[in-house]
């Protein structure tokens, strides 16, 4: 694979040498933009979920102190009819 890439780069170098200066600048700007982008995972590559990490986060959330023992309805201020109380 490395030999193939090297041959391709040599061919590209020859082609680039025949470009105008302005086209070389355009190519250079494109290459810089390409290098600055984060590599993207291929669409066929499945993302794996670390279940141990998820369970660890859930355990940490469950261990947080209860700061307010009111129900969500009480906190928002709903009355017995579902409207906002005064």
PDB file of N, CA and C in Angstrom:
ATOM      1  N   UNK A   1       0.828  -1.195   0.000  1.00  0.00           N
ATOM      2  CA  UNK A   1       0.000   0.000   0.000  1.00  0.00           C
ATOM      3  C   UNK A   1       0.869   1.255   0.000  1.00  0.00           C
ATOM      4  N   UNK A   2       1.945   1.223   0.778  1.00  0.00           N
ATOM      5  CA  UNK A   2       2.825   2.393   0.849  1.00  0.00           C
ATOM      6  C   UNK A   2       3.469   2.670  -0.505  1.00  0.00           C
ATOM      7  N   UNK A   3       3.858   1.617  -1.227  1.00  0.00           N
ATOM      8  CA  UNK A   3       4.458   1.795  -2.545  1.00  0.00           C
ATOM      9  C   UNK A   3       3.449   2.398  -3.520  1.00  0.00           C
ATOM     10  N   UNK A   4       2.194   1.940  -3.424  1.00  0.00           N
ATOM     11  CA  UNK A   4       1.127   2.489  -4.279  1.00  0.00           C
ATOM     12  C   UNK A   4       0.932   3.974  -4.024  1.00  0.00           C
ATOM     13  N   UNK A   5       0.907   4.346  -2.760  1.00  0.00           N
ATOM     14  CA  UNK A   5       0.722   5.745  -2.389  1.00  0.00           C
ATOM     15  C   UNK A   5       1.884   6.593  -2.893  1.00  0.00           C
ATOM     16  N   UNK A   6       3.092   6.077  -2.755  1.00  0.00           N
ATOM     17  CA  UNK A   6       4.268   6.816  -3.220  1.00  0.00           C
ATOM     18  C   UNK A   6       4.198   7.036  -4.727  1.00  0.00           C
ATOM     19  N   UNK A   7       3.810   6.013  -5.477  1.00  0.00           N
ATOM     20  CA  UNK A   7       3.683   6.145  -6.934  1.00  0.00           C
ATOM     21  C   UNK A   7       2.610   7.169  -7.302  1.00  0.00           C
ATOM     22  N   UNK A   8       1.507   7.139  -6.580  1.00  0.00           N
ATOM     23  CA  UNK A   8       0.421   8.090  -6.832  1.00  0.00           C
ATOM     24  C   UNK A   8       0.902   9.513  -6.570  1.00  0.00           C
ATOM     25  N   UNK A   9       1.632   9.707  -5.480  1.00  0.00           N
ATOM     26  CA  UNK A   9       2.142  11.043  -5.153  1.00  0.00           C
ATOM     27  C   UNK A   9       3.121  11.547  -6.214  1.00  0.00           C
ATOM     28  N   UNK A  10       3.948  10.667  -6.740  1.00  0.00           N
ATOM     29  CA  UNK A  10       4.888  11.059  -7.808  1.00  0.00           C
ATOM     30  C   UNK A  10       4.112  11.492  -9.048  1.00  0.00           C
ATOM     31  N   UNK A  11       3.056  10.749  -9.383  1.00  0.00           N
ATOM     32  CA  UNK A  11       2.228  11.119 -10.535  1.00  0.00           C
ATOM     33  C   UNK A  11       1.545  12.465 -10.299  1.00  0.00           C
ATOM     34  N   UNK A  12       1.048  12.676  -9.079  1.00  0.00           N
ATOM     35  CA  UNK A  12       0.401  13.943  -8.759  1.00  0.00           C
ATOM     36  C   UNK A  12       1.383  15.106  -8.848  1.00  0.00           C
ATOM     37  N   UNK A  13       2.595  14.876  -8.382  1.00  0.00           N
ATOM     38  CA  UNK A  13       3.605  15.935  -8.437  1.00  0.00           C
ATOM     39  C   UNK A  13       3.837  16.354  -9.887  1.00  0.00           C
ATOM     40  N   UNK A  14       3.933  15.391 -10.776  1.00  0.00           N
ATOM     41  CA  UNK A  14       4.132  15.706 -12.192  1.00  0.00           C
ATOM     42  C   UNK A  14       2.956  16.500 -12.752  1.00  0.00           C
ATOM     43  N   UNK A  15       1.750  16.118 -12.366  1.00  0.00           N
ATOM     44  CA  UNK A  15       0.564  16.832 -12.845  1.00  0.00           C
ATOM     45  C   UNK A  15       0.501  18.251 -12.282  1.00  0.00           C
ATOM     46  N   UNK A  16       0.838  18.392 -11.003  1.00  0.00           N
ATOM     47  CA  UNK A  16       0.783  19.706 -10.357  1.00  0.00           C
ATOM     48  C   UNK A  16       1.789  20.668 -10.983  1.00  0.00           C
ATOM     49  N   UNK A  17       2.922  20.162 -11.392  1.00  0.00           N
ATOM     50  CA  UNK A  17       3.947  21.016 -11.998  1.00  0.00           C
ATOM     51  C   UNK A  17       3.466  21.645 -13.299  1.00  0.00           C
ATOM     52  N   UNK A  18       2.467  21.050 -13.931  1.00  0.00           N
ATOM     53  CA  UNK A  18       1.938  21.589 -15.175  1.00  0.00           C
ATOM     54  C   UNK A  18       0.793  22.573 -14.952  1.00  0.00           C
ATOM     55  N   UNK A  19       0.372  22.752 -13.697  1.00  0.00           N
ATOM     56  CA  UNK A  19      -0.709  23.689 -13.391  1.00  0.00           C
ATOM     57  C   UNK A  19      -0.185  25.119 -13.383  1.00  0.00           C
ATOM     58  N   UNK A  20      -1.085  26.038 -13.609  1.00  0.00           N
ATOM     59  CA  UNK A  20      -0.716  27.446 -13.500  1.00  0.00           C
ATOM     60  C   UNK A  20      -0.504  27.786 -12.027  1.00  0.00           C
ATOM     61  N   UNK A  21       0.156  28.912 -11.772  1.00  0.00           N
ATOM     62  CA  UNK A  21       0.415  29.341 -10.398  1.00  0.00           C
ATOM     63  C   UNK A  21      -0.906  29.526  -9.646  1.00  0.00           C
ATOM     64  N   UNK A  22      -1.894  30.143 -10.275  1.00  0.00           N
ATOM     65  CA  UNK A  22      -3.178  30.372  -9.583  1.00  0.00           C
ATOM     66  C   UNK A  22      -3.871  29.052  -9.253  1.00  0.00           C
ATOM     67  N   UNK A  23      -3.783  28.079 -10.170  1.00  0.00           N
ATOM     68  CA  UNK A  23      -4.384  26.776  -9.883  1.00  0.00           C
ATOM     69  C   UNK A  23      -3.627  26.057  -8.773  1.00  0.00           C
ATOM     70  N   UNK A  24      -2.327  26.263  -8.692  1.00  0.00           N
ATOM     71  CA  UNK A  24      -1.553  25.664  -7.600  1.00  0.00           C
ATOM     72  C   UNK A  24      -1.979  26.250  -6.255  1.00  0.00           C
ATOM     73  N   UNK A  25      -2.259  27.563  -6.231  1.00  0.00           N
ATOM     74  CA  UNK A  25      -2.707  28.195  -4.994  1.00  0.00           C
ATOM     75  C   UNK A  25      -4.065  27.656  -4.576  1.00  0.00           C
ATOM     76  N   UNK A  26      -4.942  27.469  -5.544  1.00  0.00           N
ATOM     77  CA  UNK A  26      -6.264  26.910  -5.245  1.00  0.00           C
ATOM     78  C   UNK A  26      -6.114  25.504  -4.675  1.00  0.00           C
ATOM     79  N   UNK A  27      -5.261  24.723  -5.283  1.00  0.00           N
ATOM     80  CA  UNK A  27      -5.009  23.361  -4.805  1.00  0.00           C
ATOM     81  C   UNK A  27      -4.419  23.388  -3.395  1.00  0.00           C
ATOM     82  N   UNK A  28      -3.493  24.283  -3.151  1.00  0.00           N
ATOM     83  CA  UNK A  28      -2.869  24.397  -1.835  1.00  0.00           C
ATOM     84  C   UNK A  28      -3.901  24.778  -0.772  1.00  0.00           C
ATOM     85  N   UNK A  29      -4.773  25.743  -1.090  1.00  0.00           N
ATOM     86  CA  UNK A  29      -5.820  26.143  -0.140  1.00  0.00           C
ATOM     87  C   UNK A  29      -6.753  24.973   0.159  1.00  0.00           C
ATOM     88  N   UNK A  30      -7.094  24.219  -0.864  1.00  0.00           N
ATOM     89  CA  UNK A  30      -7.964  23.060  -0.678  1.00  0.00           C
ATOM     90  C   UNK A  30      -7.296  22.020   0.221  1.00  0.00           C
ATOM     91  N   UNK A  31      -6.002  21.781  -0.010  1.00  0.00           N
ATOM     92  CA  UNK A  31      -5.277  20.808   0.813  1.00  0.00           C
ATOM     93  C   UNK A  31      -5.201  21.247   2.273  1.00  0.00           C
ATOM     94  N   UNK A  32      -4.978  22.536   2.497  1.00  0.00           N
ATOM     95  CA  UNK A  32      -4.925  23.054   3.861  1.00  0.00           C
ATOM     96  C   UNK A  32      -6.279  22.856   4.542  1.00  0.00           C
ATOM     97  N   UNK A  33      -7.369  23.164   3.843  1.00  0.00           N
ATOM     98  CA  UNK A  33      -8.711  22.958   4.400  1.00  0.00           C
ATOM     99  C   UNK A  33      -8.949  21.488   4.717  1.00  0.00           C
ATOM    100  N   UNK A  34      -8.522  20.634   3.827  1.00  0.00           N
ATOM    101  CA  UNK A  34      -8.696  19.195   4.018  1.00  0.00           C
ATOM    102  C   UNK A  34      -7.925  18.714   5.241  1.00  0.00           C
ATOM    103  N   UNK A  35      -6.725  19.213   5.428  1.00  0.00           N
ATOM    104  CA  UNK A  35      -5.908  18.798   6.568  1.00  0.00           C
ATOM    105  C   UNK A  35      -6.452  19.312   7.892  1.00  0.00           C
ATOM    106  N   UNK A  36      -7.172  20.420   7.872  1.00  0.00           N
ATOM    107  CA  UNK A  36      -7.697  21.001   9.102  1.00  0.00           C
ATOM    108  C   UNK A  36      -8.980  20.321   9.562  1.00  0.00           C
ATOM    109  N   UNK A  37      -9.635  19.587   8.695  1.00  0.00           N
ATOM    110  CA  UNK A  37     -10.887  18.923   9.056  1.00  0.00           C
ATOM    111  C   UNK A  37     -10.592  17.689   9.898  1.00  0.00           C
ATOM    112  N   UNK A  38     -11.519  17.422  10.812  1.00  0.00           N
ATOM    113  CA  UNK A  38     -11.416  16.220  11.629  1.00  0.00           C
ATOM    114  C   UNK A  38     -11.721  15.014  10.754  1.00  0.00           C
ATOM    115  N   UNK A  39     -11.000  13.933  10.949  1.00  0.00           N
ATOM    116  CA  UNK A  39     -11.319  12.735  10.173  1.00  0.00           C
ATOM    117  C   UNK A  39     -12.693  12.206  10.581  1.00  0.00           C
ATOM    118  N   UNK A  40     -13.495  11.857   9.605  1.00  0.00           N
ATOM    119  CA  UNK A  40     -14.838  11.363   9.851  1.00  0.00           C
ATOM    120  C   UNK A  40     -14.850   9.837   9.780  1.00  0.00           C
ATOM    121  N   UNK A  41     -15.606   9.245  10.666  1.00  0.00           N
ATOM    122  CA  UNK A  41     -15.768   7.794  10.614  1.00  0.00           C
ATOM    123  C   UNK A  41     -16.602   7.457   9.384  1.00  0.00           C
ATOM    124  N   UNK A  42     -16.303   6.348   8.779  1.00  0.00           N
ATOM    125  CA  UNK A  42     -17.054   5.960   7.592  1.00  0.00           C
ATOM    126  C   UNK A  42     -18.491   5.642   7.989  1.00  0.00           C
ATOM    127  N   UNK A  43     -19.454   5.895   7.080  1.00  0.00           N
ATOM    128  CA  UNK A  43     -20.861   5.654   7.415  1.00  0.00           C
ATOM    129  C   UNK A  43     -21.144   4.194   7.759  1.00  0.00           C
ATOM    130  N   UNK A  44     -20.351   3.281   7.220  1.00  0.00           N
ATOM    131  CA  UNK A  44     -20.580   1.866   7.490  1.00  0.00           C
ATOM    132  C   UNK A  44     -19.997   1.451   8.835  1.00  0.00           C
ATOM    133  N   UNK A  45     -19.134   2.294   9.376  1.00  0.00           N
ATOM    134  CA  UNK A  45     -18.504   1.973  10.652  1.00  0.00           C
ATOM    135  C   UNK A  45     -19.506   2.233  11.776  1.00  0.00           C
ATOM    136  N   UNK A  46     -19.783   1.206  12.551  1.00  0.00           N
ATOM    137  CA  UNK A  46     -20.739   1.350  13.642  1.00  0.00           C
ATOM    138  C   UNK A  46     -20.032   1.932  14.856  1.00  0.00           C
ATOM    139  N   UNK A  47     -20.731   2.849  15.513  1.00  0.00           N
ATOM    140  CA  UNK A  47     -20.188   3.405  16.739  1.00  0.00           C
ATOM    141  C   UNK A  47     -20.523   2.450  17.870  1.00  0.00           C
ATOM    142  N   UNK A  48     -19.526   2.171  18.682  1.00  0.00           N
ATOM    143  CA  UNK A  48     -19.741   1.280  19.808  1.00  0.00           C
ATOM    144  C   UNK A  48     -20.005   2.094  21.058  1.00  0.00           C
ATOM    145  N   UNK A  49     -20.974   1.656  21.792  1.00  0.00           N
ATOM    146  CA  UNK A  49     -21.315   2.321  23.045  1.00  0.00           C
ATOM    147  C   UNK A  49     -20.669   1.540  24.170  1.00  0.00           C
ATOM    148  N   UNK A  50     -19.932   2.247  25.002  1.00  0.00           N
ATOM    149  CA  UNK A  50     -19.289   1.630  26.141  1.00  0.00           C
ATOM    150  C   UNK A  50     -20.320   1.543  27.268  1.00  0.00           C
ATOM    151  N   UNK A  51     -20.939   0.358  27.412  1.00  0.00           N
ATOM    152  CA  UNK A  51     -22.000   0.196  28.401  1.00  0.00           C
ATOM    153  C   UNK A  51     -21.480   0.365  29.818  1.00  0.00           C
ATOM    154  N   UNK A  52     -20.236  -0.021  30.056  1.00  0.00           N
ATOM    155  CA  UNK A  52     -19.673   0.175  31.388  1.00  0.00           C
ATOM    156  C   UNK A  52     -19.614   1.657  31.740  1.00  0.00           C
ATOM    157  N   UNK A  53     -19.244   2.481  30.778  1.00  0.00           N
ATOM    158  CA  UNK A  53     -19.179   3.922  31.004  1.00  0.00           C
ATOM    159  C   UNK A  53     -20.577   4.498  31.223  1.00  0.00           C
ATOM    160  N   UNK A  54     -21.556   4.029  30.446  1.00  0.00           N
ATOM    161  CA  UNK A  54     -22.935   4.483  30.614  1.00  0.00           C
ATOM    162  C   UNK A  54     -23.429   4.125  32.017  1.00  0.00           C
ATOM    163  N   UNK A  55     -23.172   2.900  32.455  1.00  0.00           N
ATOM    164  CA  UNK A  55     -23.594   2.476  33.795  1.00  0.00           C
ATOM    165  C   UNK A  55     -22.889   3.295  34.872  1.00  0.00           C
ATOM    166  N   UNK A  56     -21.626   3.613  34.645  1.00  0.00           N
ATOM    167  CA  UNK A  56     -20.877   4.423  35.604  1.00  0.00           C
ATOM    168  C   UNK A  56     -21.501   5.821  35.728  1.00  0.00           C
ATOM    169  N   UNK A  57     -21.867   6.418  34.594  1.00  0.00           N
ATOM    170  CA  UNK A  57     -22.496   7.742  34.605  1.00  0.00           C
ATOM    171  C   UNK A  57     -23.847   7.673  35.312  1.00  0.00           C
ATOM    172  N   UNK A  58     -24.640   6.635  35.035  1.00  0.00           N
ATOM    173  CA  UNK A  58     -25.947   6.487  35.687  1.00  0.00           C
ATOM    174  C   UNK A  58     -25.789   6.336  37.198  1.00  0.00           C
ATOM    175  N   UNK A  59     -24.805   5.585  37.619  1.00  0.00           N
ATOM    176  CA  UNK A  59     -24.545   5.418  39.052  1.00  0.00           C
ATOM    177  C   UNK A  59     -24.184   6.745  39.687  1.00  0.00           C
ATOM    178  N   UNK A  60     -23.366   7.530  39.004  1.00  0.00           N
ATOM    179  CA  UNK A  60     -22.993   8.848  39.534  1.00  0.00           C
ATOM    180  C   UNK A  60     -24.215   9.753  39.629  1.00  0.00           C
ATOM    181  N   UNK A  61     -25.099   9.699  38.643  1.00  0.00           N
ATOM    182  CA  UNK A  61     -26.299  10.534  38.664  1.00  0.00           C
ATOM    183  C   UNK A  61     -27.202  10.117  39.823  1.00  0.00           C
ATOM    184  N   UNK A  62     -27.373   8.793  40.005  1.00  0.00           N
ATOM    185  CA  UNK A  62     -28.225   8.312  41.093  1.00  0.00           C
ATOM    186  C   UNK A  62     -27.681   8.699  42.463  1.00  0.00           C
ATOM    187  N   UNK A  63     -26.371   8.868  42.573  1.00  0.00           N
ATOM    188  CA  UNK A  63     -25.780   9.181  43.877  1.00  0.00           C
ATOM    189  C   UNK A  63     -25.788  10.686  44.186  1.00  0.00           C
ATOM    190  N   UNK A  64     -26.248  11.505  43.244  1.00  0.00           N
ATOM    191  CA  UNK A  64     -26.305  12.944  43.497  1.00  0.00           C
ATOM    192  C   UNK A  64     -27.345  13.234  44.570  1.00  0.00           C
ATOM    193  N   UNK A  65     -27.099  14.248  45.398  1.00  0.00           N
ATOM    194  CA  UNK A  65     -28.063  14.561  46.454  1.00  0.00           C
ATOM    195  C   UNK A  65     -29.342  15.166  45.876  1.00  0.00           C
ATOM    196  N   UNK A  66     -30.449  14.915  46.545  1.00  0.00           N
ATOM    197  CA  UNK A  66     -31.728  15.497  46.163  1.00  0.00           C
ATOM    198  C   UNK A  66     -31.794  16.891  46.773  1.00  0.00           C
ATOM    199  N   UNK A  67     -31.776  17.890  45.927  1.00  0.00           N
ATOM    200  CA  UNK A  67     -31.735  19.264  46.409  1.00  0.00           C
ATOM    201  C   UNK A  67     -33.123  19.845  46.651  1.00  0.00           C
ATOM    202  N   UNK A  68     -34.132  19.257  46.022  1.00  0.00           N
ATOM    203  CA  UNK A  68     -35.484  19.788  46.156  1.00  0.00           C
ATOM    204  C   UNK A  68     -36.442  18.604  46.071  1.00  0.00           C
ATOM    205  N   UNK A  69     -37.188  18.331  47.130  1.00  0.00           N
ATOM    206  CA  UNK A  69     -38.053  17.152  47.142  1.00  0.00           C
ATOM    207  C   UNK A  69     -39.449  17.401  46.582  1.00  0.00           C
ATOM    208  N   UNK A  70     -39.677  18.592  46.016  1.00  0.00           N
ATOM    209  CA  UNK A  70     -40.969  18.867  45.385  1.00  0.00           C
ATOM    210  C   UNK A  70     -41.082  18.125  44.061  1.00  0.00           C
ATOM    211  N   UNK A  71     -42.298  17.858  43.634  1.00  0.00           N
ATOM    212  CA  UNK A  71     -42.524  17.232  42.329  1.00  0.00           C
ATOM    213  C   UNK A  71     -42.275  18.273  41.235  1.00  0.00           C
ATOM    214  N   UNK A  72     -42.019  17.835  40.011  1.00  0.00           N
ATOM    215  CA  UNK A  72     -41.835  18.805  38.923  1.00  0.00           C
ATOM    216  C   UNK A  72     -43.019  19.756  38.786  1.00  0.00           C
ATOM    217  N   UNK A  73     -44.249  19.242  39.007  1.00  0.00           N
ATOM    218  CA  UNK A  73     -45.435  20.090  38.901  1.00  0.00           C
ATOM    219  C   UNK A  73     -45.419  21.188  39.958  1.00  0.00           C
ATOM    220  N   UNK A  74     -44.988  20.829  41.168  1.00  0.00           N
ATOM    221  CA  UNK A  74     -44.916  21.820  42.241  1.00  0.00           C
ATOM    222  C   UNK A  74     -43.855  22.873  41.954  1.00  0.00           C
ATOM    223  N   UNK A  75     -42.746  22.435  41.385  1.00  0.00           N
ATOM    224  CA  UNK A  75     -41.662  23.377  41.089  1.00  0.00           C
ATOM    225  C   UNK A  75     -42.115  24.366  40.024  1.00  0.00           C
ATOM    226  N   UNK A  76     -42.765  23.878  38.971  1.00  0.00           N
ATOM    227  CA  UNK A  76     -43.217  24.753  37.892  1.00  0.00           C
ATOM    228  C   UNK A  76     -44.396  25.595  38.348  1.00  0.00           C
ATOM    229  N   UNK A  77     -45.219  25.039  39.224  1.00  0.00           N
ATOM    230  CA  UNK A  77     -46.342  25.798  39.753  1.00  0.00           C
ATOM    231  C   UNK A  77     -47.673  25.408  39.165  1.00  0.00           C
ATOM    232  N   UNK A  78     -47.819  24.164  38.653  1.00  0.00           N
ATOM    233  CA  UNK A  78     -49.109  23.729  38.135  1.00  0.00           C
ATOM    234  C   UNK A  78     -50.099  23.571  39.288  1.00  0.00           C
ATOM    235  N   UNK A  79     -51.351  23.922  38.994  1.00  0.00           N
ATOM    236  CA  UNK A  79     -52.392  23.668  40.001  1.00  0.00           C
ATOM    237  C   UNK A  79     -53.045  22.331  39.715  1.00  0.00           C
ATOM    238  N   UNK A  80     -54.106  21.985  40.471  1.00  0.00           N
ATOM    239  CA  UNK A  80     -54.752  20.675  40.316  1.00  0.00           C
ATOM    240  C   UNK A  80     -55.435  20.497  38.967  1.00  0.00           C
ATOM    241  N   UNK A  81     -55.643  21.590  38.225  1.00  0.00           N
ATOM    242  CA  UNK A  81     -56.283  21.528  36.905  1.00  0.00           C
ATOM    243  C   UNK A  81     -55.267  21.548  35.755  1.00  0.00           C
ATOM    244  N   UNK A  82     -53.973  21.567  36.069  1.00  0.00           N
ATOM    245  CA  UNK A  82     -52.941  21.559  35.043  1.00  0.00           C
ATOM    246  C   UNK A  82     -52.518  22.926  34.570  1.00  0.00           C
ATOM    247  N   UNK A  83     -53.144  23.967  35.115  1.00  0.00           N
ATOM    248  CA  UNK A  83     -52.757  25.343  34.738  1.00  0.00           C
ATOM    249  C   UNK A  83     -51.688  25.868  35.678  1.00  0.00           C
ATOM    250  N   UNK A  84     -51.055  26.918  35.268  1.00  0.00           N
ATOM    251  CA  UNK A  84     -50.055  27.531  36.141  1.00  0.00           C
ATOM    252  C   UNK A  84     -50.756  28.249  37.278  1.00  0.00           C
ATOM    253  N   UNK A  85     -50.367  27.879  38.487  1.00  0.00           N
ATOM    254  CA  UNK A  85     -50.964  28.510  39.656  1.00  0.00           C
ATOM    255  C   UNK A  85     -50.438  29.931  39.840  1.00  0.00           C
ATOM    256  N   UNK A  86     -51.054  30.635  40.699  1.00  0.00           N
ATOM    257  CA  UNK A  86     -50.637  32.025  40.907  1.00  0.00           C
ATOM    258  C   UNK A  86     -49.572  32.147  41.961  1.00  0.00           C
TER     259      UNK A  86
END
